Amino acid sequence: RTIVKAHMRLWGCAPLAETVALCVHELLVNVPRHTGSPRCELIL
């Protein structure tokens, strides 16, 4: 979440930082829950 928010600020998208971080968090918690594996790739 910290990395995502830092990239939002770096890219001039600070107003979106909290919302994007929350949505990324939601996608990530589903990975081990629904795939059986914690491995994934995040792309911004």
All heavy atoms as atom14 arrays in JSON, in Angstrom:
{
  "sequence": "RTIVKAHMRLWGCAPLAETVALCVHELLVNVPRHTGSPRCELIL",
  "atom14_mask": [
    [1, 1, 1, 1, 1, 1, 1, 1, 1, 1, 1, 0, 0, 0],
    [1, 1, 1, 1, 1, 1, 1, 0, 0, 0, 0, 0, 0, 0],
    [1, 1, 1, 1, 1, 1, 1, 1, 0, 0, 0, 0, 0, 0],
    [1, 1, 1, 1, 1, 1, 1, 0, 0, 0, 0, 0, 0, 0],
    [1, 1, 1, 1, 1, 1, 1, 1, 1, 0, 0, 0, 0, 0],
    [1, 1, 1, 1, 1, 0, 0, 0, 0, 0, 0, 0, 0, 0],
    [1, 1, 1, 1, 1, 1, 1, 1, 1, 1, 0, 0, 0, 0],
    [1, 1, 1, 1, 1, 1, 1, 1, 0, 0, 0, 0, 0, 0],
    [1, 1, 1, 1, 1, 1, 1, 1, 1, 1, 1, 0, 0, 0],
    [1, 1, 1, 1, 1, 1, 1, 1, 0, 0, 0, 0, 0, 0],
    [1, 1, 1, 1, 1, 1, 1, 1, 1, 1, 1, 1, 1, 1],
    [1, 1, 1, 1, 0, 0, 0, 0, 0, 0, 0, 0, 0, 0],
    [1, 1, 1, 1, 1, 1, 0, 0, 0, 0, 0, 0, 0, 0],
    [1, 1, 1, 1, 1, 0, 0, 0, 0, 0, 0, 0, 0, 0],
    [1, 1, 1, 1, 1, 1, 1, 0, 0, 0, 0, 0, 0, 0],
    [1, 1, 1, 1, 1, 1, 1, 1, 0, 0, 0, 0, 0, 0],
    [1, 1, 1, 1, 1, 0, 0, 0, 0, 0, 0, 0, 0, 0],
    [1, 1, 1, 1, 1, 1, 1, 1, 1, 0, 0, 0, 0, 0],
    [1, 1, 1, 1, 1, 1, 1, 0, 0, 0, 0, 0, 0, 0],
    [1, 1, 1, 1, 1, 1, 1, 0, 0, 0, 0, 0, 0, 0],
    [1, 1, 1, 1, 1, 0, 0, 0, 0, 0, 0, 0, 0, 0],
    [1, 1, 1, 1, 1, 1, 1, 1, 0, 0, 0, 0, 0, 0],
    [1, 1, 1, 1, 1, 1, 0, 0, 0, 0, 0, 0, 0, 0],
    [1, 1, 1, 1, 1, 1, 1, 0, 0, 0, 0, 0, 0, 0],
    [1, 1, 1, 1, 1, 1, 1, 1, 1, 1, 0, 0, 0, 0],
    [1, 1, 1, 1, 1, 1, 1, 1, 1, 0, 0, 0, 0, 0],
    [1, 1, 1, 1, 1, 1, 1, 1, 0, 0, 0, 0, 0, 0],
    [1, 1, 1, 1, 1, 1, 1, 1, 0, 0, 0, 0, 0, 0],
    [1, 1, 1, 1, 1, 1, 1, 0, 0, 0, 0, 0, 0, 0],
    [1, 1, 1, 1, 1, 1, 1, 1, 0, 0, 0, 0, 0, 0],
    [1, 1, 1, 1, 1, 1, 1, 0, 0, 0, 0, 0, 0, 0],
    [1, 1, 1, 1, 1, 1, 1, 0, 0, 0, 0, 0, 0, 0],
    [1, 1, 1, 1, 1, 1, 1, 1, 1, 1, 1, 0, 0, 0],
    [1, 1, 1, 1, 1, 1, 1, 1, 1, 1, 0, 0, 0, 0],
    [1, 1, 1, 1, 1, 1, 1, 0, 0, 0, 0, 0, 0, 0],
    [1, 1, 1, 1, 0, 0, 0, 0, 0, 0, 0, 0, 0, 0],
    [1, 1, 1, 1, 1, 1, 0, 0, 0, 0, 0, 0, 0, 0],
    [1, 1, 1, 1, 1, 1, 1, 0, 0, 0, 0, 0, 0, 0],
    [1, 1, 1, 1, 1, 1, 1, 1, 1, 1, 1, 0, 0, 0],
    [1, 1, 1, 1, 1, 1, 0, 0, 0, 0, 0, 0, 0, 0],
    [1, 1, 1, 1, 1, 1, 1, 1, 1, 0, 0, 0, 0, 0],
    [1, 1, 1, 1, 1, 1, 1, 1, 0, 0, 0, 0, 0, 0],
    [1, 1, 1, 1, 1, 1, 1, 1, 0, 0, 0, 0, 0, 0],
    [1, 1, 1, 1, 1, 1, 1, 1, 0, 0, 0, 0, 0, 0]
  ],
  "atom14_positions": [
    [[0.84, -1.21, 0.0], [0.0, 0.0, 0.0], [0.88, 1.26, 0.0], [0.58, 2.23, -0.71], [-0.95, 0.0, 1.2], [-2.11, -0.96, 1.06], [-3.18, -0.74, 2.12], [-2.65, -0.76, 3.47], [-2.57, -1.83, 4.25], [-2.99, -3.0, 3.81], [-2.1, -1.73, 5.48], [0.0, 0.0, 0.0], [0.0, 0.0, 0.0], [0.0, 0.0, 0.0]],
    [[1.95, 1.25, 0.78], [2.87, 2.39, 0.82], [3.51, 2.62, -0.55], [3.62, 3.76, -1.01], [3.96, 2.16, 1.9], [3.3, 2.03, 3.17], [4.95, 3.31, 1.93], [0.0, 0.0, 0.0], [0.0, 0.0, 0.0], [0.0, 0.0, 0.0], [0.0, 0.0, 0.0], [0.0, 0.0, 0.0], [0.0, 0.0, 0.0], [0.0, 0.0, 0.0]],
    [[3.94, 1.56, -1.21], [4.55, 1.66, -2.54], [3.54, 2.23, -3.55], [3.87, 3.1, -4.35], [5.07, 0.29, -3.0], [6.3, -0.11, -2.18], [5.38, 0.29, -4.5], [6.72, -1.55, -2.35], [0.0, 0.0, 0.0], [0.0, 0.0, 0.0], [0.0, 0.0, 0.0], [0.0, 0.0, 0.0], [0.0, 0.0, 0.0], [0.0, 0.0, 0.0]],
    [[2.32, 1.73, -3.5], [1.27, 2.21, -4.42], [1.02, 3.7, -4.2], [0.98, 4.49, -5.16], [-0.03, 1.39, -4.26], [-1.19, 2.05, -4.97], [0.18, -0.04, -4.76], [0.0, 0.0, 0.0], [0.0, 0.0, 0.0], [0.0, 0.0, 0.0], [0.0, 0.0, 0.0], [0.0, 0.0, 0.0], [0.0, 0.0, 0.0], [0.0, 0.0, 0.0]],
    [[0.86, 4.12, -2.97], [0.61, 5.53, -2.68], [1.79, 6.4, -3.11], [1.6, 7.5, -3.63], [0.28, 5.73, -1.2], [-1.08, 5.17, -0.84], [-1.49, 5.52, 0.57], [-0.94, 4.53, 1.54], [-1.48, 4.71, 2.91], [0.0, 0.0, 0.0], [0.0, 0.0, 0.0], [0.0, 0.0, 0.0], [0.0, 0.0, 0.0], [0.0, 0.0, 0.0]],
    [[3.0, 5.9, -2.93], [4.19, 6.66, -3.35], [4.2, 6.85, -4.87], [4.52, 7.94, -5.36], [5.46, 5.95, -2.9], [0.0, 0.0, 0.0], [0.0, 0.0, 0.0], [0.0, 0.0, 0.0], [0.0, 0.0, 0.0], [0.0, 0.0, 0.0], [0.0, 0.0, 0.0], [0.0, 0.0, 0.0], [0.0, 0.0, 0.0], [0.0, 0.0, 0.0]],
    [[3.82, 5.82, -5.62], [3.76, 5.96, -7.08], [2.65, 6.91, -7.5], [2.82, 7.67, -8.46], [3.6, 4.59, -7.74], [4.9, 3.9, -7.94], [5.51, 3.18, -6.95], [5.74, 3.87, -8.99], [6.65, 2.71, -7.39], [6.83, 3.13, -8.63], [0.0, 0.0, 0.0], [0.0, 0.0, 0.0], [0.0, 0.0, 0.0], [0.0, 0.0, 0.0]],
    [[1.54, 6.92, -6.8], [0.47, 7.87, -7.14], [0.97, 9.3, -6.95], [0.73, 10.16, -7.8], [-0.77, 7.62, -6.28], [-1.48, 6.28, -6.51], [-1.97, 5.99, -8.22], [-0.63, 4.95, -8.8], [0.0, 0.0, 0.0], [0.0, 0.0, 0.0], [0.0, 0.0, 0.0], [0.0, 0.0, 0.0], [0.0, 0.0, 0.0], [0.0, 0.0, 0.0]],
    [[1.67, 9.54, -5.87], [2.21, 10.9, -5.65], [3.28, 11.23, -6.69], [3.28, 12.32, -7.26], [2.77, 11.02, -4.23], [1.69, 11.05, -3.16], [2.25, 11.4, -1.79], [3.22, 10.43, -1.31], [2.92, 9.3, -0.66], [1.66, 9.0, -0.4], [3.88, 8.49, -0.24], [0.0, 0.0, 0.0], [0.0, 0.0, 0.0], [0.0, 0.0, 0.0]],
    [[4.18, 10.29, -6.96], [5.24, 10.49, -7.96], [4.66, 10.81, -9.33], [5.19, 11.65, -10.06], [6.12, 9.23, -8.03], [7.22, 9.22, -9.08], [8.31, 10.22, -8.72], [7.8, 7.83, -9.22], [0.0, 0.0, 0.0], [0.0, 0.0, 0.0], [0.0, 0.0, 0.0], [0.0, 0.0, 0.0], [0.0, 0.0, 0.0], [0.0, 0.0, 0.0]],
    [[3.58, 10.16, -9.68], [2.96, 10.34, -10.99], [1.94, 11.48, -11.03], [1.21, 11.64, -12.0], [2.29, 9.04, -11.43], [3.27, 7.93, -11.71], [4.61, 8.04, -11.93], [2.96, 6.54, -11.81], [5.15, 6.79, -12.16], [4.16, 5.86, -12.09], [1.79, 5.8, -11.69], [4.23, 4.48, -12.25], [1.85, 4.42, -11.83], [3.06, 3.78, -12.12]],
    [[1.85, 12.26, -9.97], [0.93, 13.39, -9.95], [-0.52, 13.01, -9.72], [-1.42, 13.76, -10.08], [0.0, 0.0, 0.0], [0.0, 0.0, 0.0], [0.0, 0.0, 0.0], [0.0, 0.0, 0.0], [0.0, 0.0, 0.0], [0.0, 0.0, 0.0], [0.0, 0.0, 0.0], [0.0, 0.0, 0.0], [0.0, 0.0, 0.0], [0.0, 0.0, 0.0]],
    [[-0.75, 11.88, -9.11], [-2.11, 11.38, -8.86], [-2.4, 11.25, -7.37], [-3.12, 10.34, -6.95], [-2.31, 10.03, -9.53], [-2.06, 10.02, -11.3], [0.0, 0.0, 0.0], [0.0, 0.0, 0.0], [0.0, 0.0, 0.0], [0.0, 0.0, 0.0], [0.0, 0.0, 0.0], [0.0, 0.0, 0.0], [0.0, 0.0, 0.0], [0.0, 0.0, 0.0]],
    [[-1.86, 12.16, -6.57], [-2.02, 12.09, -5.11], [-3.47, 11.97, -4.65], [-3.75, 11.22, -3.72], [-1.33, 13.27, -4.45], [0.0, 0.0, 0.0], [0.0, 0.0, 0.0], [0.0, 0.0, 0.0], [0.0, 0.0, 0.0], [0.0, 0.0, 0.0], [0.0, 0.0, 0.0], [0.0, 0.0, 0.0], [0.0, 0.0, 0.0], [0.0, 0.0, 0.0]],
    [[-4.44, 12.67, -5.28], [-5.82, 12.53, -4.82], [-6.38, 11.11, -4.94], [-7.33, 10.75, -4.26], [-6.6, 13.5, -5.72], [-5.6, 14.5, -6.17], [-4.32, 13.73, -6.3], [0.0, 0.0, 0.0], [0.0, 0.0, 0.0], [0.0, 0.0, 0.0], [0.0, 0.0, 0.0], [0.0, 0.0, 0.0], [0.0, 0.0, 0.0], [0.0, 0.0, 0.0]],
    [[-5.78, 10.29, -5.81], [-6.24, 8.92, -5.99], [-5.52, 7.91, -5.09], [-5.9, 6.74, -5.04], [-6.04, 8.48, -7.45], [-6.76, 9.25, -8.53], [-6.36, 8.74, -9.9], [-8.26, 9.17, -8.32], [0.0, 0.0, 0.0], [0.0, 0.0, 0.0], [0.0, 0.0, 0.0], [0.0, 0.0, 0.0], [0.0, 0.0, 0.0], [0.0, 0.0, 0.0]],
    [[-4.49, 8.36, -4.39], [-3.6, 7.43, -3.69], [-4.31, 6.5, -2.72], [-4.1, 5.27, -2.77], [-2.51, 8.22, -2.95], [0.0, 0.0, 0.0], [0.0, 0.0, 0.0], [0.0, 0.0, 0.0], [0.0, 0.0, 0.0], [0.0, 0.0, 0.0], [0.0, 0.0, 0.0], [0.0, 0.0, 0.0], [0.0, 0.0, 0.0], [0.0, 0.0, 0.0]],
    [[-5.14, 7.01, -1.86], [-5.82, 6.16, -0.87], [-6.78, 5.17, -1.52], [-6.83, 4.0, -1.15], [-6.56, 7.0, 0.17], [-5.65, 7.78, 1.11], [-4.79, 6.89, 2.01], [-5.21, 5.77, 2.36], [-3.68, 7.33, 2.35], [0.0, 0.0, 0.0], [0.0, 0.0, 0.0], [0.0, 0.0, 0.0], [0.0, 0.0, 0.0], [0.0, 0.0, 0.0]],
    [[-7.54, 5.65, -2.51], [-8.5, 4.78, -3.18], [-7.8, 3.68, -3.97], [-8.2, 2.51, -3.91], [-9.41, 5.61, -4.12], [-10.06, 6.62, -3.35], [-10.46, 4.74, -4.79], [0.0, 0.0, 0.0], [0.0, 0.0, 0.0], [0.0, 0.0, 0.0], [0.0, 0.0, 0.0], [0.0, 0.0, 0.0], [0.0, 0.0, 0.0], [0.0, 0.0, 0.0]],
    [[-6.75, 4.04, -4.69], [-6.01, 3.04, -5.46], [-5.38, 2.01, -4.52], [-5.46, 0.8, -4.76], [-4.94, 3.69, -6.36], [-4.04, 2.66, -7.0], [-5.61, 4.55, -7.44], [0.0, 0.0, 0.0], [0.0, 0.0, 0.0], [0.0, 0.0, 0.0], [0.0, 0.0, 0.0], [0.0, 0.0, 0.0], [0.0, 0.0, 0.0], [0.0, 0.0, 0.0]],
    [[-4.79, 2.48, -3.42], [-4.18, 1.56, -2.45], [-5.22, 0.6, -1.86], [-4.95, -0.59, -1.7], [-3.47, 2.34, -1.35], [0.0, 0.0, 0.0], [0.0, 0.0, 0.0], [0.0, 0.0, 0.0], [0.0, 0.0, 0.0], [0.0, 0.0, 0.0], [0.0, 0.0, 0.0], [0.0, 0.0, 0.0], [0.0, 0.0, 0.0], [0.0, 0.0, 0.0]],
    [[-6.4, 1.11, -1.56], [-7.47, 0.26, -1.03], [-7.89, -0.79, -2.06], [-8.05, -1.98, -1.73], [-8.69, 1.11, -0.64], [-9.92, 0.35, -0.18], [-9.64, -0.46, 1.07], [-11.08, 1.32, 0.04], [0.0, 0.0, 0.0], [0.0, 0.0, 0.0], [0.0, 0.0, 0.0], [0.0, 0.0, 0.0], [0.0, 0.0, 0.0], [0.0, 0.0, 0.0]],
    [[-8.05, -0.39, -3.31], [-8.46, -1.34, -4.36], [-7.37, -2.38, -4.61], [-7.68, -3.56, -4.81], [-8.8, -0.58, -5.65], [-10.31, 0.41, -5.51], [0.0, 0.0, 0.0], [0.0, 0.0, 0.0], [0.0, 0.0, 0.0], [0.0, 0.0, 0.0], [0.0, 0.0, 0.0], [0.0, 0.0, 0.0], [0.0, 0.0, 0.0], [0.0, 0.0, 0.0]],
    [[-6.1, -1.97, -4.6], [-5.0, -2.93, -4.75], [-5.04, -3.92, -3.59], [-4.91, -5.13, -3.79], [-3.64, -2.2, -4.81], [-2.49, -3.18, -4.62], [-3.49, -1.46, -6.13], [0.0, 0.0, 0.0], [0.0, 0.0, 0.0], [0.0, 0.0, 0.0], [0.0, 0.0, 0.0], [0.0, 0.0, 0.0], [0.0, 0.0, 0.0], [0.0, 0.0, 0.0]],
    [[-5.24, -3.43, -2.38], [-5.33, -4.3, -1.21], [-6.43, -5.34, -1.4], [-6.23, -6.53, -1.14], [-5.6, -3.44, 0.04], [-5.74, -4.23, 1.29], [-4.71, -4.41, 2.17], [-6.8, -4.91, 1.8], [-5.13, -5.15, 3.18], [-6.39, -5.46, 2.98], [0.0, 0.0, 0.0], [0.0, 0.0, 0.0], [0.0, 0.0, 0.0], [0.0, 0.0, 0.0]],
    [[-7.58, -4.9, -1.87], [-8.71, -5.83, -2.07], [-8.35, -6.91, -3.09], [-8.69, -8.08, -2.9], [-9.96, -5.07, -2.51], [-10.61, -4.27, -1.41], [-11.06, -5.12, -0.23], [-11.58, -6.24, -0.45], [-10.9, -4.67, 0.9], [0.0, 0.0, 0.0], [0.0, 0.0, 0.0], [0.0, 0.0, 0.0], [0.0, 0.0, 0.0], [0.0, 0.0, 0.0]],
    [[-7.69, -6.53, -4.18], [-7.29, -7.53, -5.17], [-6.26, -8.5, -4.6], [-6.33, -9.71, -4.84], [-6.74, -6.86, -6.43], [-7.73, -6.1, -7.3], [-7.01, -5.54, -8.53], [-8.88, -6.99, -7.72], [0.0, 0.0, 0.0], [0.0, 0.0, 0.0], [0.0, 0.0, 0.0], [0.0, 0.0, 0.0], [0.0, 0.0, 0.0], [0.0, 0.0, 0.0]],
    [[-5.3, -7.97, -3.86], [-4.24, -8.82, -3.34], [-4.72, -9.82, -2.3], [-4.28, -10.97, -2.31], [-3.1, -7.97, -2.77], [-2.29, -7.18, -3.78], [-1.23, -6.34, -3.07], [-1.65, -8.08, -4.82], [0.0, 0.0, 0.0], [0.0, 0.0, 0.0], [0.0, 0.0, 0.0], [0.0, 0.0, 0.0], [0.0, 0.0, 0.0], [0.0, 0.0, 0.0]],
    [[-5.61, -9.42, -1.41], [-6.07, -10.38, -0.39], [-6.83, -11.54, -1.02], [-6.91, -12.62, -0.44], [-6.89, -9.72, 0.74], [-6.05, -8.73, 1.52], [-8.15, -9.09, 0.23], [0.0, 0.0, 0.0], [0.0, 0.0, 0.0], [0.0, 0.0, 0.0], [0.0, 0.0, 0.0], [0.0, 0.0, 0.0], [0.0, 0.0, 0.0], [0.0, 0.0, 0.0]],
    [[-7.37, -11.33, -2.21], [-8.08, -12.41, -2.89], [-7.15, -13.44, -3.51], [-7.56, -14.56, -3.79], [-9.01, -11.86, -3.97], [-10.25, -11.23, -3.39], [-10.72, -11.64, -2.34], [-10.78, -10.24, -4.08], [0.0, 0.0, 0.0], [0.0, 0.0, 0.0], [0.0, 0.0, 0.0], [0.0, 0.0, 0.0], [0.0, 0.0, 0.0], [0.0, 0.0, 0.0]],
    [[-5.9, -13.08, -3.75], [-4.98, -14.0, -4.43], [-4.83, -15.31, -3.66], [-5.19, -16.37, -4.18], [-3.62, -13.32, -4.72], [-2.61, -14.34, -5.2], [-3.8, -12.21, -5.75], [0.0, 0.0, 0.0], [0.0, 0.0, 0.0], [0.0, 0.0, 0.0], [0.0, 0.0, 0.0], [0.0, 0.0, 0.0], [0.0, 0.0, 0.0], [0.0, 0.0, 0.0]],
    [[-4.32, -15.31, -2.43], [-4.17, -16.61, -1.75], [-5.52, -17.25, -1.38], [-5.65, -18.47, -1.37], [-3.36, -16.28, -0.5], [-3.51, -14.82, -0.29], [-3.78, -14.22, -1.65], [0.0, 0.0, 0.0], [0.0, 0.0, 0.0], [0.0, 0.0, 0.0], [0.0, 0.0, 0.0], [0.0, 0.0, 0.0], [0.0, 0.0, 0.0], [0.0, 0.0, 0.0]],
    [[-6.51, -16.41, -1.15], [-7.83, -16.91, -0.74], [-8.49, -17.71, -1.87], [-9.14, -18.71, -1.62], [-8.7, -15.72, -0.35], [-10.03, -16.09, 0.26], [-10.78, -14.86, 0.71], [-10.09, -14.27, 1.86], [-10.18, -13.0, 2.22], [-10.92, -12.18, 1.53], [-9.53, -12.55, 3.25], [0.0, 0.0, 0.0], [0.0, 0.0, 0.0], [0.0, 0.0, 0.0]],
    [[-8.33, -17.26, -3.11], [-9.05, -17.89, -4.22], [-8.18, -18.69, -5.18], [-8.7, -19.34, -6.08], [-9.83, -16.83, -4.99], [-10.9, -16.18, -4.17], [-12.03, -16.85, -3.77], [-11.0, -14.93, -3.67], [-12.79, -16.04, -3.05], [-12.18, -14.87, -2.98], [0.0, 0.0, 0.0], [0.0, 0.0, 0.0], [0.0, 0.0, 0.0], [0.0, 0.0, 0.0]],
    [[-6.85, -18.62, -5.02], [-5.99, -19.36, -5.94], [-5.22, -20.49, -5.27], [-4.71, -21.36, -5.94], [-4.95, -18.44, -6.62], [-3.99, -18.02, -5.64], [-5.61, -17.24, -7.26], [0.0, 0.0, 0.0], [0.0, 0.0, 0.0], [0.0, 0.0, 0.0], [0.0, 0.0, 0.0], [0.0, 0.0, 0.0], [0.0, 0.0, 0.0], [0.0, 0.0, 0.0]],
    [[-5.1, -20.43, -3.96], [-4.32, -21.44, -3.25], [-2.83, -21.15, -3.26], [-2.04, -21.92, -2.73], [0.0, 0.0, 0.0], [0.0, 0.0, 0.0], [0.0, 0.0, 0.0], [0.0, 0.0, 0.0], [0.0, 0.0, 0.0], [0.0, 0.0, 0.0], [0.0, 0.0, 0.0], [0.0, 0.0, 0.0], [0.0, 0.0, 0.0], [0.0, 0.0, 0.0]],
    [[-2.43, -20.04, -3.87], [-1.02, -19.66, -3.94], [-0.89, -18.17, -3.66], [-1.69, -17.37, -4.16], [-0.46, -19.95, -5.34], [0.82, -19.37, -5.48], [0.0, 0.0, 0.0], [0.0, 0.0, 0.0], [0.0, 0.0, 0.0], [0.0, 0.0, 0.0], [0.0, 0.0, 0.0], [0.0, 0.0, 0.0], [0.0, 0.0, 0.0], [0.0, 0.0, 0.0]],
    [[0.12, -17.77, -2.89], [0.3, -16.34, -2.63], [1.04, -15.6, -3.75], [1.16, -14.39, -3.7], [1.14, -16.33, -1.34], [1.96, -17.57, -1.44], [1.06, -18.58, -2.13], [0.0, 0.0, 0.0], [0.0, 0.0, 0.0], [0.0, 0.0, 0.0], [0.0, 0.0, 0.0], [0.0, 0.0, 0.0], [0.0, 0.0, 0.0], [0.0, 0.0, 0.0]],
    [[1.51, -16.32, -4.78], [2.3, -15.71, -5.86], [1.42, -14.89, -6.79], [0.38, -15.35, -7.26], [3.0, -16.79, -6.69], [4.01, -17.6, -5.96], [5.27, -16.88, -5.56], [5.95, -16.26, -6.69], [6.73, -15.2, -6.58], [6.93, -14.65, -5.42], [7.32, -14.7, -7.63], [0.0, 0.0, 0.0], [0.0, 0.0, 0.0], [0.0, 0.0, 0.0]],
    [[1.89, -13.68, -7.09], [1.18, -12.83, -8.05], [2.13, -11.75, -8.56], [3.25, -11.61, -8.09], [-0.07, -12.21, -7.44], [0.24, -10.98, -6.17], [0.0, 0.0, 0.0], [0.0, 0.0, 0.0], [0.0, 0.0, 0.0], [0.0, 0.0, 0.0], [0.0, 0.0, 0.0], [0.0, 0.0, 0.0], [0.0, 0.0, 0.0], [0.0, 0.0, 0.0]],
    [[1.65, -10.99, -9.51], [2.38, -9.86, -10.05], [1.45, -8.65, -10.02], [0.31, -8.73, -10.47], [2.8, -10.14, -11.49], [3.52, -8.97, -12.13], [3.81, -9.2, -13.61], [2.94, -9.76, -14.31], [4.89, -8.81, -14.05], [0.0, 0.0, 0.0], [0.0, 0.0, 0.0], [0.0, 0.0, 0.0], [0.0, 0.0, 0.0], [0.0, 0.0, 0.0]],
    [[1.94, -7.55, -9.49], [1.22, -6.29, -9.45], [1.81, -5.38, -10.52], [3.02, -5.22, -10.59], [1.38, -5.64, -8.07], [0.86, -4.21, -7.92], [-0.65, -4.14, -8.1], [1.29, -3.64, -6.57], [0.0, 0.0, 0.0], [0.0, 0.0, 0.0], [0.0, 0.0, 0.0], [0.0, 0.0, 0.0], [0.0, 0.0, 0.0], [0.0, 0.0, 0.0]],
    [[0.94, -4.81, -11.34], [1.38, -3.88, -12.39], [0.58, -2.59, -12.26], [-0.65, -2.61, -12.28], [1.18, -4.47, -13.8], [1.88, -5.82, -13.94], [1.68, -3.48, -14.86], [1.5, -6.58, -15.21], [0.0, 0.0, 0.0], [0.0, 0.0, 0.0], [0.0, 0.0, 0.0], [0.0, 0.0, 0.0], [0.0, 0.0, 0.0], [0.0, 0.0, 0.0]],
    [[1.28, -1.48, -12.14], [0.67, -0.16, -12.17], [1.06, 0.48, -13.49], [2.25, 0.61, -13.78], [1.19, 0.71, -11.02], [1.12, 0.16, -9.6], [1.79, 1.13, -8.64], [-0.31, -0.12, -9.2], [0.0, 0.0, 0.0], [0.0, 0.0, 0.0], [0.0, 0.0, 0.0], [0.0, 0.0, 0.0], [0.0, 0.0, 0.0], [0.0, 0.0, 0.0]]
  ]
}
